[in-house]
Protein backbone atom coordinates (compact mmCIF):
# COMPACT_ATOMS: atom_id res chain seq x y z
CA UNK A 1 207.39 36.68 -129.74
CA UNK A 2 205.04 38.34 -132.01
CA UNK A 3 201.70 37.33 -132.80
CA UNK A 4 200.48 36.20 -135.88
CA UNK A 5 198.90 38.61 -138.57
CA UNK A 6 195.31 38.62 -139.98
CA UNK A 7 193.01 40.76 -142.26
CA UNK A 8 189.43 40.60 -141.35
CA UNK A 9 186.25 40.62 -143.35
CA UNK A 10 183.54 41.84 -142.28
CA UNK A 11 180.07 41.83 -144.38
CA UNK A 12 178.25 44.80 -142.84
CA UNK A 13 175.07 44.71 -143.54
CA UNK A 14 174.92 40.63 -142.75
CA UNK A 15 176.59 41.39 -139.00
CA UNK A 16 174.03 44.56 -138.71
CA UNK A 17 170.58 42.54 -139.30
CA UNK A 18 171.91 39.34 -137.31
CA UNK A 19 172.87 40.91 -134.15
CA UNK A 20 173.82 44.71 -134.05
CA UNK A 21 169.67 45.38 -134.85
CA UNK A 22 169.16 42.59 -132.02
CA UNK A 23 171.48 44.34 -129.36
CA UNK A 24 169.85 46.15 -127.15
CA UNK A 25 170.74 50.13 -127.17
CA UNK A 26 173.63 49.56 -129.86
CA UNK A 27 173.31 51.69 -133.37
CA UNK A 28 177.30 51.77 -134.22
CA UNK A 29 179.50 49.11 -133.59
CA UNK A 30 184.00 49.51 -133.49
CA UNK A 31 184.73 46.81 -136.65
CA UNK A 32 188.24 46.69 -135.42
CA UNK A 33 187.51 46.57 -131.56
CA UNK A 34 184.92 44.08 -132.44
CA UNK A 35 187.72 42.41 -134.38
CA UNK A 36 190.21 42.47 -131.77
CA UNK A 37 188.03 41.25 -129.11
CA UNK A 38 187.41 37.99 -131.69
CA UNK A 39 191.00 37.30 -132.37
CA UNK A 40 193.43 38.63 -129.63
CA UNK A 41 195.70 35.83 -130.39
CA UNK A 42 196.36 38.05 -133.61
CA UNK A 43 197.52 41.13 -134.58
CA UNK A 44 194.76 42.49 -137.05
CA UNK A 45 197.15 44.20 -139.91
CA UNK A 46 193.61 45.50 -141.36
CA UNK A 47 189.59 45.27 -140.85
CA UNK A 48 188.03 45.90 -144.28
CA UNK A 49 184.18 46.27 -143.83
CA UNK A 50 181.65 46.09 -146.93
CA UNK A 51 178.16 47.70 -145.94
CA UNK A 52 175.13 49.43 -147.57
CA UNK A 53 173.68 52.48 -146.04
CA UNK A 54 169.91 51.19 -145.20
CA UNK A 55 166.66 53.05 -146.09
CA UNK A 56 166.00 52.85 -142.83
CA UNK A 57 169.28 54.78 -142.00
CA UNK A 58 170.36 58.32 -142.01
CA UNK A 59 172.93 58.64 -144.70
CA UNK A 60 174.97 61.65 -143.62
CA UNK A 61 175.18 60.39 -140.00
CA UNK A 62 176.20 56.87 -140.93
CA UNK A 63 179.12 58.63 -143.22
CA UNK A 64 179.79 61.02 -139.68
CA UNK A 65 180.19 57.45 -138.34
CA UNK A 66 182.51 55.50 -141.02
CA UNK A 67 184.68 58.79 -140.96
CA UNK A 68 184.62 58.91 -137.37
CA UNK A 69 185.84 55.33 -137.17
CA UNK A 70 188.25 55.30 -140.32
CA UNK A 71 190.12 58.46 -138.61
CA UNK A 72 190.80 56.62 -135.17
CA UNK A 73 191.72 53.56 -136.97
CA UNK A 74 194.37 53.68 -139.65
CA UNK A 75 193.75 50.12 -140.05
CA UNK A 76 189.94 50.32 -141.25
CA UNK A 77 189.05 50.48 -144.59
CA UNK A 78 184.58 51.35 -145.11
CA UNK A 79 183.64 49.73 -148.90
CA UNK A 80 179.83 51.56 -149.75
CA UNK A 81 177.47 49.28 -151.93
CA UNK A 82 174.14 50.27 -152.67
CA UNK A 83 170.78 49.51 -151.83
CA UNK A 84 167.87 49.22 -154.59
CA UNK A 85 164.35 48.58 -154.29
CA UNK A 86 162.90 46.26 -157.04
CA UNK A 87 159.97 44.60 -157.29
CA UNK A 88 159.60 41.09 -157.87
CA UNK A 89 156.49 39.14 -158.60
CA UNK A 90 155.45 35.96 -156.40
CA UNK A 91 152.86 33.06 -156.51
CA UNK A 92 149.92 33.07 -153.73
CA UNK A 93 150.22 29.78 -152.72
CA UNK A 94 146.40 28.57 -151.35
CA UNK A 95 145.65 27.90 -147.69
CA UNK A 96 144.30 24.45 -146.79
CA UNK A 97 141.13 23.89 -148.05
CA UNK A 98 141.00 26.51 -151.05
CA UNK A 99 141.20 25.84 -154.89
CA UNK A 100 144.53 25.15 -155.80
CA UNK A 101 143.84 25.59 -159.18
CA UNK A 102 143.48 29.46 -158.98
CA UNK A 103 147.46 31.06 -159.93
CA UNK A 104 147.10 34.34 -157.75
CA UNK A 105 150.69 36.23 -157.59
CA UNK A 106 151.32 39.44 -155.26
CA UNK A 107 153.90 41.68 -156.38
CA UNK A 108 156.28 42.85 -153.29
CA UNK A 109 158.91 45.48 -153.08
CA UNK A 110 162.15 44.47 -151.71
CA UNK A 111 165.56 46.08 -150.71
CA UNK A 112 168.37 44.53 -151.66
CA UNK A 113 172.02 45.40 -151.40
CA UNK A 114 173.55 45.29 -154.15
CA UNK A 115 178.10 45.29 -154.71
CA UNK A 116 179.12 44.70 -151.44
CA UNK A 117 179.50 40.91 -150.80
CA UNK A 118 181.16 40.56 -155.48
CA UNK A 119 183.53 43.43 -153.63
CA UNK A 120 184.45 41.46 -150.99
CA UNK A 121 185.21 38.30 -152.36
CA UNK A 122 187.54 40.44 -154.64
CA UNK A 123 189.44 42.07 -152.37
CA UNK A 124 189.64 38.67 -150.15
CA UNK A 125 191.17 37.53 -153.14
CA UNK A 126 193.29 40.70 -154.21
CA UNK A 127 194.78 40.80 -150.59
CA UNK A 128 195.60 37.00 -151.31
CA UNK A 129 197.81 37.75 -153.41
CA UNK A 130 199.31 41.39 -152.67
CA UNK A 131 199.36 41.04 -148.93
CA UNK A 132 201.13 39.08 -146.15
CA UNK A 133 199.08 37.59 -143.37
CA UNK A 134 199.10 34.57 -141.61
CA UNK A 135 195.20 34.59 -141.58
CA UNK A 136 192.21 35.60 -144.12
CA UNK A 137 189.29 35.87 -141.36
CA UNK A 138 185.49 36.45 -143.18
CA UNK A 139 182.65 37.71 -140.28
CA UNK A 140 179.81 36.09 -141.66
CA UNK A 141 176.98 33.46 -141.81
CA UNK A 142 176.60 34.09 -145.65
CA UNK A 143 177.64 30.88 -147.89
CA UNK A 144 177.98 32.90 -150.97
CA UNK A 145 181.76 33.38 -149.75
CA UNK A 146 182.19 29.78 -149.41
CA UNK A 147 184.00 29.82 -153.51
CA UNK A 148 186.07 32.43 -152.08
CA UNK A 149 186.94 30.36 -148.82
CA UNK A 150 187.90 27.75 -150.66
CA UNK A 151 189.75 29.07 -153.54
CA UNK A 152 191.96 30.68 -150.58
CA UNK A 153 192.54 27.21 -148.39
CA UNK A 154 192.71 25.19 -151.37
CA UNK A 155 194.27 26.58 -154.22
CA UNK A 156 196.53 29.35 -152.47
CA UNK A 157 196.95 27.33 -149.34
CA UNK A 158 196.07 30.47 -146.70
CA UNK A 159 194.75 30.12 -143.62
CA UNK A 160 191.44 30.76 -143.40
CA UNK A 161 189.10 31.72 -140.61
CA UNK A 162 185.13 32.58 -140.49
CA UNK A 163 183.99 34.91 -137.71
CA UNK A 164 180.16 33.75 -137.68
CA UNK A 165 177.36 35.72 -137.41
CA UNK A 166 174.80 32.96 -136.54
CA UNK A 167 174.47 30.95 -133.63
CA UNK A 168 175.32 27.68 -135.59
CA UNK A 169 177.91 27.57 -138.63
CA UNK A 170 176.20 26.57 -142.06
CA UNK A 171 177.08 23.66 -142.98
CA UNK A 172 179.25 24.75 -146.03
CA UNK A 173 181.65 26.20 -143.75
CA UNK A 174 181.78 23.48 -141.01
CA UNK A 175 182.56 21.82 -144.54
CA UNK A 176 185.65 23.63 -145.05
CA UNK A 177 187.24 23.09 -141.72
CA UNK A 178 188.36 26.62 -141.14
CA UNK A 179 191.13 27.06 -139.52
CA UNK A 180 190.36 29.54 -136.85
CA UNK A 181 186.57 29.71 -135.97
CA UNK A 182 184.79 31.90 -133.75
CA UNK A 183 180.84 32.60 -132.92
CA UNK A 184 180.06 36.69 -132.55
CA UNK A 185 177.87 36.76 -129.97
CA UNK A 186 175.69 39.81 -128.18
CA UNK A 187 178.07 40.31 -125.64
CA UNK A 188 180.97 41.00 -127.98
CA UNK A 189 178.26 43.42 -129.90
CA UNK A 190 177.99 44.95 -126.52
CA UNK A 191 181.55 45.59 -125.93
CA UNK A 192 182.68 46.97 -128.95
CA UNK A 193 179.58 49.52 -129.52
CA UNK A 194 180.77 52.80 -129.92
CA UNK A 195 180.01 55.43 -127.12
């Protein structure tokens, strides 16, 4: 009997920040192997990774790594967003006992990922209309994807999965009552690291 099928959508920067950077001696993860570890009862039809090259990463090395992975796995696609530097002005809150009537501000330079989340949500909806799969699974803990998952479940009557990158499932995802829930752990990262 054949396995049910799944398409996995990975929020790459979320996975990197929440788990990969915290795993000892892990720089790169084989996304297909990670998906297969988390969903062994499914035939993984496709893994789509949406990520950016962080300011600290070597872009040449990162692109070489992704090419190596896509050459190894015919069912893997990687979509690159961009990292932009923005300057924000924030209020400085006074410490206890300080005069709160003085309003001070501070300039903060932040790195923000652009384009990846919208692309991920768009491809989930696109695939829901154009591809056949028994499960559409998101690997992230970013609740910005809740409307996309809700649309797939409620409007298109599709099975959804959440492969959560945090220890506890965000409440918005819990309320969706996904058909499949898995928690990505450090052991999964270590077992799928690219050597």
